Amino acid sequence: MEMPRPNPDVLARKDEIIRRLQAVMPKDAVISDAVETRAYECDALTAYKCPPLAVVLPASTEEVSAALRVCHELGVPVVPRGAGTSLAGGALPNEDSVILGVARLNEVIETDYENRFIRVQSGRTNLSVSGAVEEAGFFYAPDPSSQLACAIAGNIAMNSGGAHCLKYGVTTNNLMGVTMVLMDGTVTRIGGAHLDAQGLDILGLICGSEGQLGVVTEATLRILHKPEGARPVLIGFESNETAGQCVSDIIRAGVLPVAIEFMDRPCIRATEDFAGAGYPDCEALLIVEVEGSDEEIDEQLEIISKIARRHDPVELRQSASAEESARIWLGRKSAFGAMGQINDYMCLDGTIPVSQLPLVLRRIAEMSDEFGLDVANVFHAGDGNMHPLILFDANKPGDLERCEAFGAEILKLCVEVGGCLTGEHGVGVEKRDLMRSQFAPHDLEMQMAVKDVFDPDWLLNPAKVFPLDDSAGRRIAAE
């Protein structure tokens, strides 16, 4: 992957830039020591690293505004960073950029149970949002696998989803408003504690914009009453294609589970060794969870079980207790950590129509043989958000490049069958040069024209999302 050339003028003014930032920030909020900034040289896409010029850690919207105002005046690129869990290199810095981390923006500002919303600072972790309202019987629906660590800021930037997005939607379906700071330090508030707003859907534009338009410092989020109950069923199959067909049949039957999760044999083996969840010996596994009253759950699971039996499952196990439900989910929630213990891997994020699951799973297996790299599949099957994990050896010359080429072919396949390059991880640096596979030149031009409005100097999160030659040309034109 090609990295943009740093601006030598910015590098030459490093000491001045740091002094100016220290003048408007608290004493411990600016990090410039080369050893200390190493913690910010990459995100969860660890194949690529670059030390930033400096790191700024504001604790309020006002401090974010002050830091951005200085960087804008001095022409310094800024990379917004949540918790650094991005798998697409969304928070990868450049040598001439300042990382602006929101980890200290972690407070609950307002909770309104009558109107079902919570307002939080954007550095608060996903899971702790539900933790703040659970005693009152509420929860926040989006639940990425990294929810213990990932920040709401990153969730908004990448429009994150999670296992339960089939029923409750992704971040954009649960986001009501934001406070956002533009690159020149202007503070703007969009949406709020109401169902909808007049005029253009600016909030929908911001959610998923990957830090290209501004830095979100506060978010108003929709919270929901906890369901009466929930129960999963575990279904094992003799092939990936059969499991994929079962998913398609469940959706076609009109049943709306809260989640349908898929795991294949390599992932099942890894999670069993790691977590011991008691999964069956099979080629593919589905976890299908439904919610409601006991009667509603029984009715839905009966329909799902009848559909599954048509495909001769190796095992069909309905949970009979909260403990058994937790064990069924244990392996799925441990999947990425389990795979990381046995191999280096790259986690992809293509999205496809559910009806194309059998075809795409077959083609991924064929491509695995062609490239000579193993693949483990674990993903949100209900909404077609696939997460193939391509296994490679980071210490073997050429393996990373072969892994990237394989990943590019999988993502192109997703687009060919009517899907898209990303469902929740974002484009970042990982997929930026594949954008032309999904979008025509005039489509990309319109997207870049939007960034021109919010960030005319192209200083926010540079070298991300758009093909590098396009974004570099835009930056030069802005100068």
Protein backbone atom coordinates (compact mmCIF):
# COMPACT_ATOMS: atom_id res chain seq x y z
CA MET A 1 0.00 0.00 0.00
CA GLU A 2 1.36 3.39 -0.95
CA MET A 3 1.64 6.07 1.73
CA PRO A 4 1.33 9.77 0.86
CA ARG A 5 4.48 11.86 0.91
CA PRO A 6 4.68 14.07 4.02
CA ASN A 7 4.67 17.83 3.65
CA PRO A 8 8.28 18.91 4.35
CA ASP A 9 7.13 22.38 5.39
CA VAL A 10 4.94 20.92 8.14
CA LEU A 11 7.76 18.65 9.34
CA ALA A 12 10.16 21.61 9.46
CA ARG A 13 7.72 23.50 11.72
CA LYS A 14 7.18 20.63 14.17
CA ASP A 15 8.48 22.51 17.22
CA GLU A 16 6.30 25.53 16.43
CA ILE A 17 3.23 23.36 15.94
CA ILE A 18 3.74 21.61 19.27
CA ARG A 19 4.29 24.93 21.08
CA ARG A 20 1.09 26.34 19.60
CA LEU A 21 -0.91 23.25 20.61
CA GLN A 22 0.53 23.28 24.13
CA ALA A 23 -0.51 26.93 24.46
CA VAL A 24 -4.23 26.09 24.00
CA MET A 25 -4.36 22.65 25.64
CA PRO A 26 -3.93 21.36 29.21
CA LYS A 27 -0.38 20.47 30.20
CA ASP A 28 -0.70 16.69 29.73
CA ALA A 29 -2.90 16.80 26.60
CA VAL A 30 -0.14 17.09 23.99
CA ILE A 31 2.20 14.15 23.37
CA SER A 32 5.24 14.69 21.17
CA ASP A 33 7.89 12.30 22.52
CA ALA A 34 8.74 9.75 19.82
CA VAL A 35 8.52 6.81 22.25
CA GLU A 36 5.12 7.84 23.61
CA THR A 37 3.59 8.51 20.18
CA ARG A 38 4.39 4.93 19.09
CA ALA A 39 1.15 3.82 20.77
CA TYR A 40 -0.68 5.79 18.08
CA GLU A 41 1.30 4.71 15.00
CA CYS A 42 -1.43 2.31 13.85
CA ASP A 43 -4.91 1.06 14.66
CA ALA A 44 -6.15 -2.55 14.54
CA LEU A 45 -4.95 -2.85 10.93
CA THR A 46 -1.45 -3.43 12.30
CA ALA A 47 0.13 -4.31 8.95
CA TYR A 48 0.72 -0.57 8.41
CA LYS A 49 2.40 1.80 10.83
CA CYS A 50 3.52 5.42 10.72
CA PRO A 51 4.51 7.65 13.67
CA PRO A 52 2.45 10.86 13.90
CA LEU A 53 3.96 14.30 14.30
CA ALA A 54 2.15 14.63 17.65
CA VAL A 55 -0.91 13.46 19.58
CA VAL A 56 -3.57 15.70 21.15
CA LEU A 57 -5.98 14.36 23.80
CA PRO A 58 -8.72 16.96 24.47
CA ALA A 59 -11.34 16.47 27.17
CA SER A 60 -14.08 18.79 25.91
CA THR A 61 -15.65 20.14 22.74
CA GLU A 62 -13.97 23.48 23.44
CA GLU A 63 -10.53 21.86 23.60
CA VAL A 64 -11.20 19.98 20.35
CA SER A 65 -12.16 23.28 18.74
CA ALA A 66 -9.00 25.01 20.01
CA ALA A 67 -6.72 22.21 18.73
CA LEU A 68 -8.35 22.14 15.31
CA ARG A 69 -8.19 25.91 15.02
CA VAL A 70 -4.42 25.81 15.53
CA CYS A 71 -3.92 22.97 13.05
CA HIS A 72 -6.10 24.70 10.48
CA GLU A 73 -4.17 27.95 10.81
CA LEU A 74 -0.83 26.14 10.43
CA GLY A 75 -1.98 23.81 7.64
CA VAL A 76 -1.43 20.64 9.68
CA PRO A 77 -3.36 17.46 8.74
CA VAL A 78 -5.44 15.94 11.57
CA VAL A 79 -6.36 12.27 12.01
CA PRO A 80 -9.34 11.78 14.39
CA ARG A 81 -9.03 8.66 16.55
CA GLY A 82 -11.56 6.88 18.74
CA ALA A 83 -10.28 3.75 20.49
CA GLY A 84 -8.04 2.63 17.63
CA THR A 85 -10.06 -0.52 16.90
CA SER A 86 -10.49 0.26 13.19
CA LEU A 87 -9.74 -2.76 11.00
CA ALA A 88 -9.48 -0.64 7.84
CA GLY A 89 -6.68 1.73 8.86
CA GLY A 90 -9.15 4.53 9.50
CA ALA A 91 -6.93 6.06 12.21
CA LEU A 92 -3.57 5.42 10.54
CA PRO A 93 -1.52 8.63 10.85
CA ASN A 94 0.85 10.24 8.38
CA GLU A 95 4.28 11.50 9.36
CA ASP A 96 3.12 15.12 9.10
CA SER A 97 -0.24 14.69 10.87
CA VAL A 98 -1.52 15.25 14.38
CA ILE A 99 -3.60 12.50 15.96
CA LEU A 100 -6.66 13.92 17.74
CA GLY A 101 -7.85 11.26 20.17
CA VAL A 102 -11.22 11.47 21.90
CA ALA A 103 -10.56 8.90 24.66
CA ARG A 104 -10.93 11.54 27.39
CA LEU A 105 -14.37 12.55 26.09
CA ASN A 106 -16.11 9.76 27.98
CA GLU A 107 -18.91 11.28 30.08
CA VAL A 108 -22.68 10.73 30.04
CA ILE A 109 -24.19 14.18 29.57
CA GLU A 110 -27.93 13.49 29.69
CA THR A 111 -30.28 10.53 30.01
CA ASP A 112 -34.00 10.80 29.16
CA TYR A 113 -35.94 7.55 29.61
CA GLU A 114 -39.30 9.11 28.80
CA ASN A 115 -38.09 10.17 25.36
CA ARG A 116 -35.73 7.21 25.06
CA PHE A 117 -32.38 8.84 24.40
CA ILE A 118 -28.97 9.26 25.97
CA ARG A 119 -26.44 11.98 25.18
CA VAL A 120 -22.79 11.04 25.65
CA GLN A 121 -19.36 12.32 24.79
CA SER A 122 -18.04 10.49 21.77
CA GLY A 123 -15.08 8.79 23.43
CA ARG A 124 -17.36 6.67 25.60
CA THR A 125 -17.17 2.98 24.78
CA ASN A 126 -20.06 1.26 23.06
CA LEU A 127 -20.74 -1.26 25.82
CA SER A 128 -20.67 1.36 28.56
CA VAL A 129 -23.59 3.18 26.90
CA SER A 130 -25.83 0.19 27.58
CA GLY A 131 -24.19 -0.10 30.99
CA ALA A 132 -25.34 3.41 31.84
CA VAL A 133 -29.02 2.60 31.22
CA GLU A 134 -29.39 -1.12 31.92
CA GLU A 135 -30.63 -0.71 35.50
CA ALA A 136 -33.59 1.24 34.12
CA GLY A 137 -34.37 -1.59 31.69
CA PHE A 138 -32.92 -0.01 28.55
CA PHE A 139 -30.07 -0.78 26.16
CA TYR A 140 -28.22 0.67 23.17
CA ALA A 141 -28.72 -1.66 20.22
CA PRO A 142 -25.59 -1.54 17.97
CA ASP A 143 -23.13 -4.13 19.31
CA PRO A 144 -19.88 -4.47 17.33
CA SER A 145 -17.65 -7.38 18.33
CA SER A 146 -15.22 -4.83 19.75
CA GLN A 147 -17.95 -3.17 21.82
CA LEU A 148 -15.98 -3.57 25.06
CA ALA A 149 -13.30 -1.23 23.67
CA CYS A 150 -14.58 0.66 20.62
CA ALA A 151 -15.71 4.27 21.02
CA ILE A 152 -18.97 5.84 19.90
CA ALA A 153 -16.90 8.27 17.80
CA GLY A 154 -15.53 5.39 15.75
CA ASN A 155 -18.95 3.74 15.56
CA ILE A 156 -20.34 6.93 14.02
CA ALA A 157 -17.36 7.36 11.70
CA MET A 158 -17.70 3.83 10.28
CA ASN A 159 -21.47 3.37 10.75
CA SER A 160 -20.79 0.24 12.80
CA GLY A 161 -23.30 -2.54 13.25
CA GLY A 162 -22.93 -5.80 15.15
CA ALA A 163 -24.57 -9.15 15.68
CA HIS A 164 -28.02 -7.70 16.43
CA CYS A 165 -28.19 -5.22 13.55
CA LEU A 166 -30.55 -7.47 11.56
CA LYS A 167 -33.44 -6.36 13.75
CA TYR A 168 -32.27 -3.07 15.22
CA GLY A 169 -30.19 -1.61 12.42
CA VAL A 170 -26.69 -0.14 12.47
CA THR A 171 -25.42 3.09 14.01
CA THR A 172 -27.20 5.40 11.58
CA ASN A 173 -30.55 3.87 12.63
CA ASN A 174 -29.83 4.65 16.28
CA LEU A 175 -28.15 8.05 16.00
CA MET A 176 -30.33 11.10 16.66
CA GLY A 177 -27.88 13.97 16.77
CA VAL A 178 -24.25 15.04 17.08
CA THR A 179 -22.08 17.92 18.15
CA MET A 180 -19.28 18.17 15.59
CA VAL A 181 -16.27 20.44 15.25
CA LEU A 182 -15.19 21.43 11.75
CA MET A 183 -11.56 21.66 10.72
CA ASP A 184 -11.47 25.44 11.26
CA GLY A 185 -12.71 25.02 14.85
CA THR A 186 -16.36 25.86 14.18
CA VAL A 187 -18.70 23.96 16.52
CA THR A 188 -21.94 22.78 14.91
CA ARG A 189 -24.90 20.80 16.26
CA ILE A 190 -26.93 18.57 13.96
CA GLY A 191 -30.12 16.70 14.86
CA GLY A 192 -30.95 16.17 18.50
CA ALA A 193 -33.47 14.64 20.86
CA HIS A 194 -36.30 14.44 18.36
CA LEU A 195 -37.41 11.89 15.78
CA ASP A 196 -36.50 13.82 12.65
CA ALA A 197 -35.31 17.17 11.39
CA GLN A 198 -36.35 19.35 8.48
CA GLY A 199 -34.21 19.91 5.43
CA LEU A 200 -31.24 17.93 4.18
CA ASP A 201 -30.24 14.73 5.98
CA ILE A 202 -26.87 16.05 7.14
CA LEU A 203 -26.81 13.59 10.04
CA GLY A 204 -27.05 10.68 7.59
CA LEU A 205 -24.13 12.20 5.70
CA ILE A 206 -21.96 12.45 8.80
CA CYS A 207 -22.62 8.88 9.98
CA GLY A 208 -20.16 6.76 8.01
CA SER A 209 -18.06 9.71 6.79
CA GLU A 210 -14.89 8.30 8.44
CA GLY A 211 -13.67 11.55 9.97
CA GLN A 212 -13.56 13.29 6.59
CA LEU A 213 -16.02 16.04 7.48
CA GLY A 214 -15.46 16.89 11.14
CA VAL A 215 -14.72 15.57 14.63
CA VAL A 216 -17.79 14.35 16.54
CA THR A 217 -17.52 15.22 20.24
CA GLU A 218 -21.03 14.42 21.50
CA ALA A 219 -23.75 12.07 20.30
CA THR A 220 -27.45 11.72 21.07
CA LEU A 221 -28.31 8.03 20.82
CA ARG A 222 -31.60 6.17 20.74
CA ILE A 223 -32.05 3.73 23.63
CA LEU A 224 -34.62 0.93 23.67
CA HIS A 225 -36.52 -1.06 26.26
CA LYS A 226 -34.96 -4.45 26.86
CA PRO A 227 -37.04 -7.24 25.27
CA GLU A 228 -39.01 -9.60 27.51
CA GLY A 229 -36.64 -12.38 26.64
CA ALA A 230 -34.25 -13.73 24.04
CA ARG A 231 -33.18 -17.23 23.07
CA PRO A 232 -30.71 -18.55 20.49
CA VAL A 233 -30.69 -21.79 18.54
CA LEU A 234 -27.43 -23.35 17.35
CA ILE A 235 -27.52 -25.17 14.00
CA GLY A 236 -24.63 -27.16 12.50
CA PHE A 237 -24.33 -28.08 8.80
CA GLU A 238 -22.15 -30.27 6.60
CA SER A 239 -21.23 -27.44 4.20
CA ASN A 240 -20.93 -23.65 4.04
CA GLU A 241 -23.27 -23.54 1.07
CA THR A 242 -26.00 -25.40 2.94
CA ALA A 243 -25.72 -22.99 5.87
CA GLY A 244 -25.88 -20.06 3.46
CA GLN A 245 -28.99 -21.48 1.82
CA CYS A 246 -30.62 -21.94 5.23
CA VAL A 247 -30.02 -18.26 6.02
CA SER A 248 -31.61 -17.25 2.73
CA ASP A 249 -34.63 -19.50 3.44
CA ILE A 250 -35.12 -18.05 6.94
CA ILE A 251 -35.17 -14.49 5.61
CA ARG A 252 -37.47 -15.49 2.75
CA ALA A 253 -39.93 -17.02 5.25
CA GLY A 254 -40.59 -13.60 6.75
CA VAL A 255 -39.14 -14.36 10.17
CA LEU A 256 -37.08 -11.52 11.64
CA PRO A 257 -34.54 -12.89 14.11
CA VAL A 258 -32.57 -10.39 16.13
CA ALA A 259 -29.36 -12.02 14.86
CA ILE A 260 -28.10 -14.67 12.44
CA GLU A 261 -24.38 -15.36 12.86
CA PHE A 262 -22.25 -17.66 10.70
CA MET A 263 -19.00 -19.51 11.47
CA ASP A 264 -17.15 -22.07 9.34
CA ARG A 265 -14.95 -25.01 10.37
CA PRO A 266 -11.61 -23.16 10.78
CA CYS A 267 -13.28 -20.59 13.00
CA ILE A 268 -15.25 -23.23 14.93
CA ARG A 269 -12.06 -25.17 15.68
CA ALA A 270 -10.20 -22.05 16.82
CA THR A 271 -13.00 -20.85 19.09
CA GLU A 272 -13.44 -24.31 20.62
CA ASP A 273 -9.75 -24.46 21.51
CA PHE A 274 -9.93 -20.89 22.83
CA ALA A 275 -13.28 -20.74 24.64
CA GLY A 276 -14.65 -24.31 24.84
CA ALA A 277 -18.20 -23.29 24.00
CA GLY A 278 -19.26 -26.84 23.12
CA TYR A 279 -19.81 -26.37 19.40
CA PRO A 280 -20.48 -29.46 17.25
CA ASP A 281 -17.97 -30.98 14.82
CA CYS A 282 -19.30 -29.60 11.55
CA GLU A 283 -18.34 -27.54 8.51
CA ALA A 284 -20.57 -24.54 9.23
CA LEU A 285 -22.51 -23.18 12.17
CA LEU A 286 -25.40 -20.75 12.52
CA ILE A 287 -26.46 -18.97 15.69
CA VAL A 288 -29.99 -17.64 15.26
CA GLU A 289 -31.47 -15.58 18.10
CA VAL A 290 -35.05 -14.35 18.47
CA GLU A 291 -36.70 -12.06 21.02
CA GLY A 292 -40.09 -11.49 22.59
CA SER A 293 -42.39 -13.20 25.05
CA ASP A 294 -41.97 -16.92 25.69
CA GLU A 295 -44.84 -17.63 23.30
CA GLU A 296 -43.36 -15.45 20.55
CA ILE A 297 -39.95 -17.03 21.00
CA ASP A 298 -41.36 -20.54 20.83
CA GLU A 299 -43.32 -19.74 17.67
CA GLN A 300 -40.35 -18.15 15.89
CA LEU A 301 -37.91 -20.89 16.85
CA GLU A 302 -40.33 -23.56 15.66
CA ILE A 303 -40.47 -21.93 12.21
CA ILE A 304 -36.68 -21.59 12.10
CA SER A 305 -36.16 -25.18 13.25
CA LYS A 306 -38.53 -26.51 10.56
CA ILE A 307 -36.57 -24.59 7.90
CA ALA A 308 -33.25 -25.87 9.28
CA ARG A 309 -34.42 -29.51 9.30
CA ARG A 310 -35.01 -29.33 5.54
CA HIS A 311 -31.24 -28.97 5.19
CA ASP A 312 -30.37 -32.05 7.30
CA PRO A 313 -28.45 -30.28 10.07
CA VAL A 314 -25.66 -32.07 11.92
CA GLU A 315 -26.99 -30.58 15.14
CA LEU A 316 -29.94 -28.38 16.10
CA ARG A 317 -29.84 -27.17 19.68
CA GLN A 318 -32.26 -24.69 21.23
CA SER A 319 -31.05 -22.95 24.36
CA ALA A 320 -32.92 -24.01 27.50
CA SER A 321 -31.38 -21.55 29.96
CA ALA A 322 -29.54 -18.26 30.29
CA GLU A 323 -26.33 -20.17 30.97
CA GLU A 324 -26.71 -22.21 27.77
CA SER A 325 -27.45 -19.05 25.78
CA ALA A 326 -24.27 -17.47 27.11
CA ARG A 327 -22.25 -20.54 26.07
CA ILE A 328 -23.73 -20.52 22.57
CA TRP A 329 -22.68 -16.88 22.16
CA LEU A 330 -19.32 -17.36 23.89
CA GLY A 331 -17.58 -18.82 20.87
CA ARG A 332 -18.92 -16.22 18.45
CA LYS A 333 -17.93 -13.33 20.68
CA SER A 334 -14.45 -14.87 21.06
CA ALA A 335 -13.92 -15.58 17.36
CA PHE A 336 -11.56 -12.75 16.41
CA GLY A 337 -9.40 -13.16 19.49
CA ALA A 338 -9.29 -16.93 18.98
CA MET A 339 -8.14 -16.59 15.37
CA GLY A 340 -5.50 -14.07 16.40
CA GLN A 341 -3.92 -16.64 18.70
CA ILE A 342 -3.19 -19.06 15.87
CA ASN A 343 -2.34 -16.84 12.88
CA ASP A 344 -1.88 -13.41 11.45
CA TYR A 345 -5.03 -12.51 9.56
CA MET A 346 -6.71 -9.73 7.64
CA CYS A 347 -10.40 -9.24 8.41
CA LEU A 348 -12.50 -8.10 5.45
CA ASP A 349 -15.89 -6.43 5.47
CA GLY A 350 -17.76 -6.91 2.20
CA THR A 351 -21.55 -6.88 2.14
CA ILE A 352 -23.72 -8.94 -0.22
CA PRO A 353 -27.40 -9.74 -0.83
CA VAL A 354 -28.36 -12.64 1.45
CA SER A 355 -29.52 -14.64 -1.57
CA GLN A 356 -25.92 -14.63 -2.89
CA LEU A 357 -24.40 -16.24 0.22
CA PRO A 358 -24.08 -19.78 -1.22
CA LEU A 359 -22.40 -18.50 -4.40
CA VAL A 360 -20.00 -16.15 -2.62
CA LEU A 361 -18.97 -18.74 -0.03
CA ARG A 362 -18.22 -21.22 -2.84
CA ARG A 363 -16.17 -18.66 -4.76
CA ILE A 364 -14.19 -17.68 -1.64
CA ALA A 365 -13.27 -21.35 -1.15
CA GLU A 366 -12.15 -21.58 -4.78
CA MET A 367 -10.09 -18.39 -4.50
CA SER A 368 -8.50 -19.72 -1.31
CA ASP A 369 -7.06 -22.59 -3.36
CA GLU A 370 -5.99 -20.20 -6.14
CA PHE A 371 -4.08 -17.89 -3.79
CA GLY A 372 -2.80 -20.63 -1.49
CA LEU A 373 -4.08 -18.89 1.65
CA ASP A 374 -6.61 -20.29 4.13
CA VAL A 375 -9.79 -18.40 4.98
CA ALA A 376 -11.98 -18.53 8.06
CA ASN A 377 -15.48 -17.13 7.72
CA VAL A 378 -17.38 -15.50 10.58
CA PHE A 379 -19.99 -12.86 9.87
CA HIS A 380 -23.44 -11.35 10.31
CA ALA A 381 -25.27 -13.62 7.88
CA GLY A 382 -28.68 -12.06 8.41
CA ASP A 383 -27.77 -8.78 6.70
CA GLY A 384 -25.08 -10.21 4.42
CA ASN A 385 -22.20 -8.42 6.17
CA MET A 386 -19.32 -10.84 5.58
CA HIS A 387 -16.07 -10.97 7.54
CA PRO A 388 -13.71 -13.41 5.80
CA LEU A 389 -10.47 -13.75 7.78
CA ILE A 390 -7.58 -14.37 5.38
CA LEU A 391 -4.76 -16.15 7.21
CA PHE A 392 -1.16 -15.27 6.33
CA ASP A 393 2.34 -15.13 7.80
CA ALA A 394 3.43 -11.54 8.42
CA ASN A 395 7.05 -12.69 8.63
CA LYS A 396 7.02 -14.45 5.26
CA PRO A 397 8.07 -12.15 2.38
CA GLY A 398 5.25 -11.60 -0.10
CA ASP A 399 2.52 -13.11 2.08
CA LEU A 400 0.97 -9.76 3.03
CA GLU A 401 0.85 -8.67 -0.61
CA ARG A 402 -0.74 -11.99 -1.61
CA CYS A 403 -3.27 -11.58 1.22
CA GLU A 404 -4.16 -8.08 0.03
CA ALA A 405 -4.60 -9.27 -3.56
CA PHE A 406 -6.85 -12.10 -2.37
CA GLY A 407 -8.87 -9.66 -0.25
CA ALA A 408 -9.29 -7.31 -3.19
CA GLU A 409 -10.74 -10.12 -5.29
CA ILE A 410 -13.23 -11.03 -2.53
CA LEU A 411 -14.38 -7.41 -2.25
CA LYS A 412 -14.71 -7.07 -6.02
CA LEU A 413 -16.84 -10.23 -5.97
CA CYS A 414 -19.09 -8.64 -3.33
CA VAL A 415 -19.67 -5.65 -5.64
CA GLU A 416 -20.23 -7.89 -8.67
CA VAL A 417 -23.08 -9.79 -6.98
CA GLY A 418 -24.86 -6.57 -5.98
CA GLY A 419 -23.17 -5.76 -2.67
CA CYS A 420 -20.65 -3.17 -1.59
CA LEU A 421 -17.09 -2.82 -0.31
CA THR A 422 -17.92 -2.28 3.34
CA GLY A 423 -20.71 -2.86 5.81
CA GLU A 424 -19.29 -1.48 9.05
CA HIS A 425 -15.48 -1.35 9.03
CA GLY A 426 -15.29 1.55 6.61
CA VAL A 427 -13.00 2.17 3.65
CA GLY A 428 -10.01 3.71 5.44
CA VAL A 429 -6.78 2.91 3.63
CA GLU A 430 -7.64 -0.75 3.15
CA LYS A 431 -10.25 -0.27 0.42
CA ARG A 432 -9.58 3.24 -0.87
CA ASP A 433 -8.03 2.03 -4.14
CA LEU A 434 -11.01 -0.30 -4.69
CA MET A 435 -13.50 2.58 -4.63
CA ARG A 436 -13.40 2.73 -8.43
CA SER A 437 -14.67 -0.87 -8.47
CA GLN A 438 -17.93 0.30 -6.91
CA PHE A 439 -18.25 3.93 -7.97
CA ALA A 440 -18.07 5.61 -11.36
CA PRO A 441 -15.83 8.69 -11.70
CA HIS A 442 -18.75 11.11 -11.42
CA ASP A 443 -19.95 9.35 -8.24
CA LEU A 444 -16.54 9.80 -6.63
CA GLU A 445 -16.45 13.39 -7.79
CA MET A 446 -19.75 14.11 -6.04
CA GLN A 447 -18.48 12.53 -2.81
CA MET A 448 -15.29 14.57 -2.93
CA ALA A 449 -17.30 17.72 -3.62
CA VAL A 450 -19.09 17.14 -0.31
CA LYS A 451 -15.74 17.00 1.48
CA ASP A 452 -14.77 20.24 -0.29
CA VAL A 453 -17.69 21.95 1.51
CA PHE A 454 -16.83 20.71 5.01
CA ASP A 455 -13.04 20.57 4.71
CA PRO A 456 -11.94 22.71 1.74
CA ASP A 457 -8.23 22.38 2.58
CA TRP A 458 -8.45 18.57 2.76
CA LEU A 459 -6.71 18.44 6.14
CA LEU A 460 -9.04 16.00 7.94
CA ASN A 461 -8.04 12.32 7.89
CA PRO A 462 -5.91 12.58 4.74
CA ALA A 463 -5.22 9.70 2.34
CA LYS A 464 -8.32 7.79 3.45
CA VAL A 465 -11.51 6.68 1.65
CA PHE A 466 -10.75 8.16 -1.78
CA PRO A 467 -8.13 6.77 -4.21
CA LEU A 468 -4.78 8.25 -3.26
CA ASP A 469 -4.18 10.08 -6.54
CA ASP A 470 -7.61 11.74 -6.30
CA SER A 471 -7.21 12.89 -2.70
CA ALA A 472 -3.61 14.03 -3.28
CA GLY A 473 -4.73 16.07 -6.30
CA ARG A 474 -7.51 17.64 -4.24
CA ARG A 475 -5.07 18.53 -1.47
CA ILE A 476 -2.63 20.14 -3.91
CA ALA A 477 -5.45 22.13 -5.51
CA ALA A 478 -6.53 23.36 -2.08
CA GLU A 479 -3.02 24.61 -1.34
